[in-house]
PDB file of all heavy atoms in Angstrom:
ATOM      1  N   LEU A   1       0.812  -1.101   0.040  1.00  0.00           N
ATOM      2  CA  LEU A   1      -0.002   0.023   0.035  1.00  0.00           C
ATOM      3  C   LEU A   1       0.895   1.251   0.011  1.00  0.00           C
ATOM      4  O   LEU A   1       2.118   1.269   0.362  1.00  0.00           O
ATOM      5  CB  LEU A   1      -0.948   0.093   1.269  1.00  0.00           C
ATOM      6  CG  LEU A   1      -1.730  -1.230   1.414  1.00  0.00           C
ATOM      7  CD1 LEU A   1      -2.410  -1.032   2.822  1.00  0.00           C
ATOM      8  CD2 LEU A   1      -2.833  -1.298   0.469  1.00  0.00           C
ATOM      9  N   THR A   2       0.303   2.364  -0.337  1.00  0.00           N
ATOM     10  CA  THR A   2       0.872   3.745  -0.260  1.00  0.00           C
ATOM     11  C   THR A   2       0.205   4.460   0.961  1.00  0.00           C
ATOM     12  O   THR A   2      -1.009   4.353   1.110  1.00  0.00           O
ATOM     13  CB  THR A   2       0.598   4.558  -1.495  1.00  0.00           C
ATOM     14  OG1 THR A   2       1.425   3.930  -2.579  1.00  0.00           O
ATOM     15  CG2 THR A   2       1.108   5.901  -1.216  1.00  0.00           C
ATOM     16  N   ALA A   3       1.053   5.007   1.679  1.00  0.00           N
ATOM     17  CA  ALA A   3       0.554   5.884   2.932  1.00  0.00           C
ATOM     18  C   ALA A   3       0.841   7.344   2.640  1.00  0.00           C
ATOM     19  O   ALA A   3       1.966   7.698   2.411  1.00  0.00           O
ATOM     20  CB  ALA A   3       1.208   5.396   4.175  1.00  0.00           C
ATOM     21  N   GLU A   4      -0.304   8.064   2.566  1.00  0.00           N
ATOM     22  CA  GLU A   4      -0.270   9.502   2.230  1.00  0.00           C
ATOM     23  C   GLU A   4      -0.952  10.319   3.296  1.00  0.00           C
ATOM     24  O   GLU A   4      -1.995   9.935   3.706  1.00  0.00           O
ATOM     25  CB  GLU A   4      -0.862   9.742   0.794  1.00  0.00           C
ATOM     26  CG  GLU A   4      -0.640  11.189   0.343  1.00  0.00           C
ATOM     27  CD  GLU A   4      -1.366  11.448  -0.951  1.00  0.00           C
ATOM     28  OE1 GLU A   4      -1.598  10.396  -1.695  1.00  0.00           O
ATOM     29  OE2 GLU A   4      -1.494  12.572  -1.385  1.00  0.00           O
ATOM     30  N   VAL A   5      -0.311  11.508   3.636  1.00  0.00           N
ATOM     31  CA  VAL A   5      -0.834  12.199   4.705  1.00  0.00           C
ATOM     32  C   VAL A   5      -2.010  13.214   4.126  1.00  0.00           C
ATOM     33  O   VAL A   5      -1.828  13.728   3.098  1.00  0.00           O
ATOM     34  CB  VAL A   5       0.237  13.128   5.328  1.00  0.00           C
ATOM     35  CG1 VAL A   5      -0.318  14.123   6.316  1.00  0.00           C
ATOM     36  CG2 VAL A   5       1.328  12.311   5.942  1.00  0.00           C
ATOM     37  N   MET A   6      -3.134  13.069   4.767  1.00  0.00           N
ATOM     38  CA  MET A   6      -4.299  13.974   4.391  1.00  0.00           C
ATOM     39  C   MET A   6      -4.337  15.308   5.009  1.00  0.00           C
ATOM     40  O   MET A   6      -4.761  16.391   4.547  1.00  0.00           O
ATOM     41  CB  MET A   6      -5.639  13.210   4.577  1.00  0.00           C
ATOM     42  CG  MET A   6      -5.794  11.906   3.802  1.00  0.00           C
ATOM     43  SD  MET A   6      -7.332  11.109   4.178  1.00  0.00           S
ATOM     44  CE  MET A   6      -8.323  12.220   3.266  1.00  0.00           C
ATOM     45  N   ASP A   7      -3.909  15.284   6.333  1.00  0.00           N
ATOM     46  CA  ASP A   7      -3.849  16.572   7.195  1.00  0.00           C
ATOM     47  C   ASP A   7      -2.477  16.414   7.807  1.00  0.00           C
ATOM     48  O   ASP A   7      -1.960  15.181   8.108  1.00  0.00           O
ATOM     49  CB  ASP A   7      -4.718  16.564   8.347  1.00  0.00           C
ATOM     50  CG  ASP A   7      -6.211  16.995   7.770  1.00  0.00           C
ATOM     51  OD1 ASP A   7      -6.341  17.578   6.656  1.00  0.00           O
ATOM     52  OD2 ASP A   7      -7.238  16.579   8.347  1.00  0.00           O
ATOM     53  N   ASP A   8      -1.740  17.525   8.074  1.00  0.00           N
ATOM     54  CA  ASP A   8      -0.467  17.600   8.795  1.00  0.00           C
ATOM     55  C   ASP A   8      -0.537  16.500   9.930  1.00  0.00           C
ATOM     56  O   ASP A   8      -1.424  16.530  10.765  1.00  0.00           O
ATOM     57  CB  ASP A   8      -0.194  18.935   9.394  1.00  0.00           C
ATOM     58  CG  ASP A   8       0.095  19.922   8.231  1.00  0.00           C
ATOM     59  OD1 ASP A   8       0.167  19.519   7.016  1.00  0.00           O
ATOM     60  OD2 ASP A   8       0.351  21.210   8.573  1.00  0.00           O
ATOM     61  N   ALA A   9       0.542  15.716  10.009  1.00  0.00           N
ATOM     62  CA  ALA A   9       0.407  14.511  10.888  1.00  0.00           C
ATOM     63  C   ALA A   9       1.747  14.342  11.653  1.00  0.00           C
ATOM     64  O   ALA A   9       2.817  14.794  11.165  1.00  0.00           O
ATOM     65  CB  ALA A   9       0.159  13.218  10.010  1.00  0.00           C
ATOM     66  N   ARG A  10       1.648  13.890  12.815  1.00  0.00           N
ATOM     67  CA  ARG A  10       2.819  13.533  13.701  1.00  0.00           C
ATOM     68  C   ARG A  10       2.831  11.944  13.932  1.00  0.00           C
ATOM     69  O   ARG A  10       1.796  11.492  14.310  1.00  0.00           O
ATOM     70  CB  ARG A  10       2.754  14.292  14.951  1.00  0.00           C
ATOM     71  CG  ARG A  10       3.972  13.901  15.843  1.00  0.00           C
ATOM     72  CD  ARG A  10       4.067  14.646  17.167  1.00  0.00           C
ATOM     73  NE  ARG A  10       5.277  14.387  17.745  1.00  0.00           N
ATOM     74  CZ  ARG A  10       5.568  15.000  19.074  1.00  0.00           C
ATOM     75  NH1 ARG A  10       4.612  15.613  19.797  1.00  0.00           N
ATOM     76  NH2 ARG A  10       6.668  14.656  19.626  1.00  0.00           N
ATOM     77  N   LEU A  11       3.900  11.398  13.657  1.00  0.00           N
ATOM     78  CA  LEU A  11       3.942  10.014  13.755  1.00  0.00           C
ATOM     79  C   LEU A  11       5.177   9.583  14.633  1.00  0.00           C
ATOM     80  O   LEU A  11       6.249  10.285  14.822  1.00  0.00           O
ATOM     81  CB  LEU A  11       4.353   9.326  12.347  1.00  0.00           C
ATOM     82  CG  LEU A  11       3.427   9.588  11.294  1.00  0.00           C
ATOM     83  CD1 LEU A  11       3.902   8.929  10.048  1.00  0.00           C
ATOM     84  CD2 LEU A  11       2.002   9.024  11.579  1.00  0.00           C
ATOM     85  N   LEU A  12       4.994   8.538  15.514  1.00  0.00           N
ATOM     86  CA  LEU A  12       6.037   7.904  16.120  1.00  0.00           C
ATOM     87  C   LEU A  12       6.506   6.637  15.358  1.00  0.00           C
ATOM     88  O   LEU A  12       5.500   5.874  14.914  1.00  0.00           O
ATOM     89  CB  LEU A  12       5.583   7.435  17.509  1.00  0.00           C
ATOM     90  CG  LEU A  12       5.474   8.585  18.572  1.00  0.00           C
ATOM     91  CD1 LEU A  12       4.961   8.102  20.025  1.00  0.00           C
ATOM     92  CD2 LEU A  12       6.704   9.300  18.818  1.00  0.00           C
ATOM     93  N   ILE A  13       7.798   6.472  15.099  1.00  0.00           N
ATOM     94  CA  ILE A  13       8.237   5.379  14.249  1.00  0.00           C
ATOM     95  C   ILE A  13       9.146   4.470  14.905  1.00  0.00           C
ATOM     96  O   ILE A  13      10.099   4.953  15.605  1.00  0.00           O
ATOM     97  CB  ILE A  13       8.768   5.993  13.102  1.00  0.00           C
ATOM     98  CG1 ILE A  13       7.892   7.038  12.358  1.00  0.00           C
ATOM     99  CG2 ILE A  13       9.381   4.936  12.044  1.00  0.00           C
ATOM    100  CD1 ILE A  13       8.503   7.887  11.216  1.00  0.00           C
ATOM    101  N   ILE A  14       8.999   3.106  14.764  1.00  0.00           N
ATOM    102  CA  ILE A  14       9.992   2.253  15.327  1.00  0.00           C
ATOM    103  C   ILE A  14      10.444   1.348  14.183  1.00  0.00           C
ATOM    104  O   ILE A  14       9.706   0.651  13.559  1.00  0.00           O
ATOM    105  CB  ILE A  14       9.219   1.320  16.325  1.00  0.00           C
ATOM    106  CG1 ILE A  14       8.599   2.101  17.428  1.00  0.00           C
ATOM    107  CG2 ILE A  14      10.319   0.354  17.055  1.00  0.00           C
ATOM    108  CD1 ILE A  14       7.846   1.289  18.529  1.00  0.00           C
ATOM    109  N   PRO A  15      11.741   1.358  13.852  1.00  0.00           N
ATOM    110  CA  PRO A  15      12.420   0.470  12.916  1.00  0.00           C
ATOM    111  C   PRO A  15      12.306  -1.011  13.376  1.00  0.00           C
ATOM    112  O   PRO A  15      12.216  -1.242  14.547  1.00  0.00           O
ATOM    113  CB  PRO A  15      13.871   0.927  12.947  1.00  0.00           C
ATOM    114  CG  PRO A  15      13.879   2.266  13.505  1.00  0.00           C
ATOM    115  CD  PRO A  15      12.794   2.319  14.477  1.00  0.00           C
ATOM    116  N   TRP A  16      12.107  -1.852  12.425  1.00  0.00           N
ATOM    117  CA  TRP A  16      11.795  -3.262  12.640  1.00  0.00           C
ATOM    118  C   TRP A  16      12.863  -3.863  13.471  1.00  0.00           C
ATOM    119  O   TRP A  16      12.580  -4.709  14.244  1.00  0.00           O
ATOM    120  CB  TRP A  16      11.574  -3.985  11.326  1.00  0.00           C
ATOM    121  CG  TRP A  16      11.503  -5.476  11.572  1.00  0.00           C
ATOM    122  CD1 TRP A  16      12.219  -6.543  11.056  1.00  0.00           C
ATOM    123  CD2 TRP A  16      10.464  -6.094  12.496  1.00  0.00           C
ATOM    124  NE1 TRP A  16      11.866  -7.625  11.475  1.00  0.00           N
ATOM    125  CE2 TRP A  16      10.720  -7.491  12.385  1.00  0.00           C
ATOM    126  CE3 TRP A  16       9.434  -5.663  13.178  1.00  0.00           C
ATOM    127  CZ2 TRP A  16      10.119  -8.426  13.058  1.00  0.00           C
ATOM    128  CZ3 TRP A  16       8.668  -6.605  13.976  1.00  0.00           C
ATOM    129  CH2 TRP A  16       8.900  -7.994  13.750  1.00  0.00           C
ATOM    130  N   ASN A  17      14.100  -3.579  13.265  1.00  0.00           N
ATOM    131  CA  ASN A  17      15.087  -4.213  13.918  1.00  0.00           C
ATOM    132  C   ASN A  17      15.006  -3.952  15.515  1.00  0.00           C
ATOM    133  O   ASN A  17      15.229  -4.806  16.374  1.00  0.00           O
ATOM    134  CB  ASN A  17      16.580  -3.971  13.606  1.00  0.00           C
ATOM    135  CG  ASN A  17      16.799  -2.490  13.549  1.00  0.00           C
ATOM    136  OD1 ASN A  17      15.868  -1.694  13.398  1.00  0.00           O
ATOM    137  ND2 ASN A  17      18.115  -2.043  13.898  1.00  0.00           N
ATOM    138  N   GLU A  18      14.598  -2.727  15.825  1.00  0.00           N
ATOM    139  CA  GLU A  18      14.339  -2.431  17.266  1.00  0.00           C
ATOM    140  C   GLU A  18      13.058  -3.043  17.771  1.00  0.00           C
ATOM    141  O   GLU A  18      13.002  -3.413  18.915  1.00  0.00           O
ATOM    142  CB  GLU A  18      14.331  -0.873  17.365  1.00  0.00           C
ATOM    143  CG  GLU A  18      15.603  -0.119  16.928  1.00  0.00           C
ATOM    144  CD  GLU A  18      16.773  -0.506  17.703  1.00  0.00           C
ATOM    145  OE1 GLU A  18      16.670  -0.882  18.904  1.00  0.00           O
ATOM    146  OE2 GLU A  18      17.874  -0.265  17.213  1.00  0.00           O
ATOM    147  N   MET A  19      12.047  -3.085  16.948  1.00  0.00           N
ATOM    148  CA  MET A  19      10.747  -3.733  17.336  1.00  0.00           C
ATOM    149  C   MET A  19      10.932  -5.161  17.535  1.00  0.00           C
ATOM    150  O   MET A  19      10.489  -5.671  18.557  1.00  0.00           O
ATOM    151  CB  MET A  19       9.723  -3.506  16.174  1.00  0.00           C
ATOM    152  CG  MET A  19       8.360  -3.733  16.644  1.00  0.00           C
ATOM    153  SD  MET A  19       7.696  -2.527  17.617  1.00  0.00           S
ATOM    154  CE  MET A  19       6.663  -3.388  18.779  1.00  0.00           C
ATOM    155  N   GLU A  20      11.760  -5.847  16.828  1.00  0.00           N
ATOM    156  CA  GLU A  20      11.979  -7.254  16.974  1.00  0.00           C
ATOM    157  C   GLU A  20      12.810  -7.580  18.278  1.00  0.00           C
ATOM    158  O   GLU A  20      12.235  -8.528  19.010  1.00  0.00           O
ATOM    159  CB  GLU A  20      12.903  -7.772  15.841  1.00  0.00           C
ATOM    160  CG  GLU A  20      12.839  -9.220  15.770  1.00  0.00           C
ATOM    161  CD  GLU A  20      13.668  -9.782  14.455  1.00  0.00           C
ATOM    162  OE1 GLU A  20      14.585  -9.036  14.013  1.00  0.00           O
ATOM    163  OE2 GLU A  20      13.300 -10.761  13.994  1.00  0.00           O
ATOM    164  N   LYS A  21      13.694  -6.784  18.676  1.00  0.00           N
ATOM    165  CA  LYS A  21      14.341  -6.787  19.910  1.00  0.00           C
ATOM    166  C   LYS A  21      13.373  -6.652  21.038  1.00  0.00           C
ATOM    167  O   LYS A  21      13.319  -7.407  21.995  1.00  0.00           O
ATOM    168  CB  LYS A  21      15.520  -5.753  20.120  1.00  0.00           C
ATOM    169  CG  LYS A  21      16.653  -6.070  19.070  1.00  0.00           C
ATOM    170  CD  LYS A  21      17.678  -4.989  19.145  1.00  0.00           C
ATOM    171  CE  LYS A  21      18.688  -5.045  18.033  1.00  0.00           C
ATOM    172  NZ  LYS A  21      19.682  -3.881  18.124  1.00  0.00           N
ATOM    173  N   MET A  22      12.518  -5.624  20.972  1.00  0.00           N
ATOM    174  CA  MET A  22      11.572  -5.489  22.105  1.00  0.00           C
ATOM    175  C   MET A  22      10.601  -6.588  22.260  1.00  0.00           C
ATOM    176  O   MET A  22      10.243  -6.889  23.418  1.00  0.00           O
ATOM    177  CB  MET A  22      10.749  -4.064  21.848  1.00  0.00           C
ATOM    178  CG  MET A  22      11.708  -2.844  21.960  1.00  0.00           C
ATOM    179  SD  MET A  22      10.721  -1.286  21.998  1.00  0.00           S
ATOM    180  CE  MET A  22      10.186  -1.192  20.279  1.00  0.00           C
ATOM    181  N   ILE A  23      10.102  -7.047  21.089  1.00  0.00           N
ATOM    182  CA  ILE A  23       9.128  -8.306  21.214  1.00  0.00           C
ATOM    183  C   ILE A  23       9.674  -9.389  21.869  1.00  0.00           C
ATOM    184  O   ILE A  23       9.004 -10.070  22.699  1.00  0.00           O
ATOM    185  CB  ILE A  23       8.658  -8.542  19.750  1.00  0.00           C
ATOM    186  CG1 ILE A  23       7.667  -7.421  19.290  1.00  0.00           C
ATOM    187  CG2 ILE A  23       7.761  -9.916  19.776  1.00  0.00           C
ATOM    188  CD1 ILE A  23       7.350  -7.573  17.794  1.00  0.00           C
ATOM    189  N   ILE A  24      11.083  -9.717  21.577  1.00  0.00           N
ATOM    190  CA  ILE A  24      11.670 -10.804  22.163  1.00  0.00           C
ATOM    191  C   ILE A  24      11.865 -10.498  23.750  1.00  0.00           C
ATOM    192  O   ILE A  24      11.654 -11.377  24.510  1.00  0.00           O
ATOM    193  CB  ILE A  24      13.014 -11.037  21.489  1.00  0.00           C
ATOM    194  CG1 ILE A  24      12.780 -11.482  20.058  1.00  0.00           C
ATOM    195  CG2 ILE A  24      13.895 -12.081  22.352  1.00  0.00           C
ATOM    196  CD1 ILE A  24      14.057 -11.571  19.373  1.00  0.00           C
ATOM    197  N   GLU A  25      12.211  -9.312  24.056  1.00  0.00           N
ATOM    198  CA  GLU A  25      12.461  -9.030  25.450  1.00  0.00           C
ATOM    199  C   GLU A  25      11.075  -8.822  26.265  1.00  0.00           C
ATOM    200  O   GLU A  25      10.977  -9.166  27.392  1.00  0.00           O
ATOM    201  CB  GLU A  25      13.217  -7.676  25.507  1.00  0.00           C
ATOM    202  CG  GLU A  25      13.502  -7.106  26.925  1.00  0.00           C
ATOM    203  CD  GLU A  25      14.462  -6.069  26.984  1.00  0.00           C
ATOM    204  OE1 GLU A  25      14.972  -5.627  25.856  1.00  0.00           O
ATOM    205  OE2 GLU A  25      14.411  -5.312  27.957  1.00  0.00           O
ATOM    206  N   ARG A  26      10.070  -8.366  25.550  1.00  0.00           N
ATOM    207  CA  ARG A  26       8.741  -8.092  26.211  1.00  0.00           C
ATOM    208  C   ARG A  26       7.673  -8.549  25.288  1.00  0.00           C
ATOM    209  O   ARG A  26       7.033  -7.727  24.537  1.00  0.00           O
ATOM    210  CB  ARG A  26       8.625  -6.605  26.491  1.00  0.00           C
ATOM    211  CG  ARG A  26       9.554  -5.851  27.461  1.00  0.00           C
ATOM    212  CD  ARG A  26       8.848  -6.209  28.929  1.00  0.00           C
ATOM    213  NE  ARG A  26       9.554  -5.525  29.934  1.00  0.00           N
ATOM    214  CZ  ARG A  26       9.213  -5.316  31.137  1.00  0.00           C
ATOM    215  NH1 ARG A  26       8.050  -5.681  31.449  1.00  0.00           N
ATOM    216  NH2 ARG A  26      10.023  -4.793  32.046  1.00  0.00           N
ATOM    217  N   PRO A  27       7.421  -9.821  25.442  1.00  0.00           N
ATOM    218  CA  PRO A  27       6.291 -10.284  24.561  1.00  0.00           C
ATOM    219  C   PRO A  27       4.963  -9.700  24.749  1.00  0.00           C
ATOM    220  O   PRO A  27       3.998  -9.636  23.914  1.00  0.00           O
ATOM    221  CB  PRO A  27       6.237 -11.836  25.008  1.00  0.00           C
ATOM    222  CG  PRO A  27       7.563 -12.199  25.490  1.00  0.00           C
ATOM    223  CD  PRO A  27       7.956 -10.806  26.110  1.00  0.00           C
ATOM    224  N   SER A  28       4.754  -9.174  25.940  1.00  0.00           N
ATOM    225  CA  SER A  28       3.520  -8.434  26.238  1.00  0.00           C
ATOM    226  C   SER A  28       3.196  -7.260  25.391  1.00  0.00           C
ATOM    227  O   SER A  28       2.117  -6.851  25.000  1.00  0.00           O
ATOM    228  CB  SER A  28       3.455  -7.955  27.707  1.00  0.00           C
ATOM    229  OG  SER A  28       4.393  -7.038  27.914  1.00  0.00           O
ATOM    230  N   LEU A  29       4.273  -6.662  24.840  1.00  0.00           N
ATOM    231  CA  LEU A  29       4.216  -5.516  23.882  1.00  0.00           C
ATOM    232  C   LEU A  29       3.557  -6.016  22.561  1.00  0.00           C
ATOM    233  O   LEU A  29       2.752  -5.380  21.994  1.00  0.00           O
ATOM    234  CB  LEU A  29       5.491  -4.987  23.707  1.00  0.00           C
ATOM    235  CG  LEU A  29       6.092  -3.821  24.553  1.00  0.00           C
ATOM    236  CD1 LEU A  29       7.425  -3.425  24.092  1.00  0.00           C
ATOM    237  CD2 LEU A  29       5.094  -2.658  24.534  1.00  0.00           C
ATOM    238  N   ALA A  30       3.950  -7.250  22.073  1.00  0.00           N
ATOM    239  CA  ALA A  30       3.489  -7.776  20.959  1.00  0.00           C
ATOM    240  C   ALA A  30       1.949  -8.046  20.948  1.00  0.00           C
ATOM    241  O   ALA A  30       1.274  -7.702  20.107  1.00  0.00           O
ATOM    242  CB  ALA A  30       4.186  -9.068  20.619  1.00  0.00           C
ATOM    243  N   ILE A  31       1.518  -8.368  22.070  1.00  0.00           N
ATOM    244  CA  ILE A  31       0.065  -8.850  22.337  1.00  0.00           C
ATOM    245  C   ILE A  31      -0.761  -7.561  22.265  1.00  0.00           C
ATOM    246  O   ILE A  31      -1.744  -7.421  21.498  1.00  0.00           O
ATOM    247  CB  ILE A  31      -0.163  -9.428  23.684  1.00  0.00           C
ATOM    248  CG1 ILE A  31       0.486 -10.785  23.688  1.00  0.00           C
ATOM    249  CG2 ILE A  31      -1.636  -9.558  23.938  1.00  0.00           C
ATOM    250  CD1 ILE A  31       0.411 -11.617  25.007  1.00  0.00           C
ATOM    251  N   LYS A  32      -0.267  -6.372  22.879  1.00  0.00           N
ATOM    252  CA  LYS A  32      -0.919  -5.070  22.859  1.00  0.00           C
ATOM    253  C   LYS A  32      -0.984  -4.509  21.437  1.00  0.00           C
ATOM    254  O   LYS A  32      -2.097  -4.036  21.039  1.00  0.00           O
ATOM    255  CB  LYS A  32      -0.261  -4.209  23.786  1.00  0.00           C
ATOM    256  CG  LYS A  32      -0.532  -4.525  25.304  1.00  0.00           C
ATOM    257  CD  LYS A  32       0.152  -3.685  26.236  1.00  0.00           C
ATOM    258  CE  LYS A  32      -0.197  -4.035  27.671  1.00  0.00           C
ATOM    259  NZ  LYS A  32       0.793  -4.506  28.428  1.00  0.00           N
ATOM    260  N   ILE A  33       0.118  -4.634  20.670  1.00  0.00           N
ATOM    261  CA  ILE A  33       0.093  -4.280  19.234  1.00  0.00           C
ATOM    262  C   ILE A  33      -0.941  -5.037  18.450  1.00  0.00           C
ATOM    263  O   ILE A  33      -1.549  -4.601  17.579  1.00  0.00           O
ATOM    264  CB  ILE A  33       1.493  -4.219  18.807  1.00  0.00           C
ATOM    265  CG1 ILE A  33       2.364  -3.207  19.483  1.00  0.00           C
ATOM    266  CG2 ILE A  33       1.582  -3.941  17.204  1.00  0.00           C
ATOM    267  CD1 ILE A  33       3.769  -3.154  19.087  1.00  0.00           C
ATOM    268  N   ILE A  34      -0.744  -6.284  18.664  1.00  0.00           N
ATOM    269  CA  ILE A  34      -1.749  -7.116  17.703  1.00  0.00           C
ATOM    270  C   ILE A  34      -3.179  -6.843  18.146  1.00  0.00           C
ATOM    271  O   ILE A  34      -4.034  -6.862  17.290  1.00  0.00           O
ATOM    272  CB  ILE A  34      -1.459  -8.604  18.182  1.00  0.00           C
ATOM    273  CG1 ILE A  34      -0.186  -9.082  17.526  1.00  0.00           C
ATOM    274  CG2 ILE A  34      -2.570  -9.651  17.584  1.00  0.00           C
ATOM    275  CD1 ILE A  34       0.392 -10.487  17.980  1.00  0.00           C
ATOM    276  N   GLU A  35      -3.592  -6.540  19.248  1.00  0.00           N
ATOM    277  CA  GLU A  35      -4.890  -6.051  19.651  1.00  0.00           C
ATOM    278  C   GLU A  35      -5.260  -4.894  18.938  1.00  0.00           C
ATOM    279  O   GLU A  35      -6.375  -4.766  18.496  1.00  0.00           O
ATOM    280  CB  GLU A  35      -4.958  -5.890  21.228  1.00  0.00           C
ATOM    281  CG  GLU A  35      -4.894  -7.158  22.001  1.00  0.00           C
ATOM    282  CD  GLU A  35      -4.870  -6.878  23.502  1.00  0.00           C
ATOM    283  OE1 GLU A  35      -4.684  -5.673  23.856  1.00  0.00           O
ATOM    284  OE2 GLU A  35      -5.117  -7.840  24.362  1.00  0.00           O
ATOM    285  N   ALA A  36      -4.340  -3.876  18.899  1.00  0.00           N
ATOM    286  CA  ALA A  36      -4.627  -2.695  18.111  1.00  0.00           C
ATOM    287  C   ALA A  36      -4.794  -2.916  16.661  1.00  0.00           C
ATOM    288  O   ALA A  36      -5.615  -2.359  15.979  1.00  0.00           O
ATOM    289  CB  ALA A  36      -3.607  -1.537  18.325  1.00  0.00           C
ATOM    290  N   LEU A  37      -4.014  -3.819  16.004  1.00  0.00           N
ATOM    291  CA  LEU A  37      -4.043  -4.103  14.583  1.00  0.00           C
ATOM    292  C   LEU A  37      -5.410  -4.802  14.211  1.00  0.00           C
ATOM    293  O   LEU A  37      -5.727  -4.763  13.210  1.00  0.00           O
ATOM    294  CB  LEU A  37      -2.799  -4.978  14.249  1.00  0.00           C
ATOM    295  CG  LEU A  37      -1.425  -4.250  14.266  1.00  0.00           C
ATOM    296  CD1 LEU A  37      -0.401  -5.127  14.001  1.00  0.00           C
ATOM    297  CD2 LEU A  37      -1.478  -3.130  13.257  1.00  0.00           C
ATOM    298  N   SER A  38      -5.954  -5.547  15.167  1.00  0.00           N
ATOM    299  CA  SER A  38      -7.165  -6.346  14.918  1.00  0.00           C
ATOM    300  C   SER A  38      -8.319  -5.385  14.564  1.00  0.00           C
ATOM    301  O   SER A  38      -9.193  -5.807  13.788  1.00  0.00           O
ATOM    302  CB  SER A  38      -7.582  -7.119  16.159  1.00  0.00           C
ATOM    303  OG  SER A  38      -7.988  -6.345  17.160  1.00  0.00           O
ATOM    304  N   LYS A  39      -8.195  -4.175  15.026  1.00  0.00           N
ATOM    305  CA  LYS A  39      -9.241  -3.132  14.511  1.00  0.00           C
ATOM    306  C   LYS A  39      -9.205  -3.007  13.101  1.00  0.00           C
ATOM    307  O   LYS A  39     -10.352  -2.929  12.364  1.00  0.00           O
ATOM    308  CB  LYS A  39      -8.956  -1.772  15.355  1.00  0.00           C
ATOM    309  CG  LYS A  39      -9.981  -0.765  14.827  1.00  0.00           C
ATOM    310  CD  LYS A  39      -9.439   0.662  15.367  1.00  0.00           C
ATOM    311  CE  LYS A  39     -10.263   1.750  14.756  1.00  0.00           C
ATOM    312  NZ  LYS A  39      -9.934   3.145  15.373  1.00  0.00           N
ATOM    313  N   LYS A  40      -8.043  -2.908  12.557  1.00  0.00           N
ATOM    314  CA  LYS A  40      -7.978  -2.649  11.141  1.00  0.00           C
ATOM    315  C   LYS A  40      -8.376  -3.900  10.294  1.00  0.00           C
ATOM    316  O   LYS A  40      -9.002  -3.757   9.282  1.00  0.00           O
ATOM    317  CB  LYS A  40      -6.434  -2.233  10.589  1.00  0.00           C
ATOM    318  CG  LYS A  40      -6.272  -1.811   9.321  1.00  0.00           C
ATOM    319  CD  LYS A  40      -4.902  -1.798   8.833  1.00  0.00           C
ATOM    320  CE  LYS A  40      -4.016  -0.874   9.620  1.00  0.00           C
ATOM    321  NZ  LYS A  40      -2.698  -0.863   9.210  1.00  0.00           N
TER     322      LYS A  40
END
């Protein structure tokens, strides 16, 4: 997909290599993110 800004936006961004380390260290983070993604 293409992601395009419709109104001025502020984002928080996590590179995948950092995200992968966090998920391994804190699996509870992965669960919370998966819950949010289920909405989409």
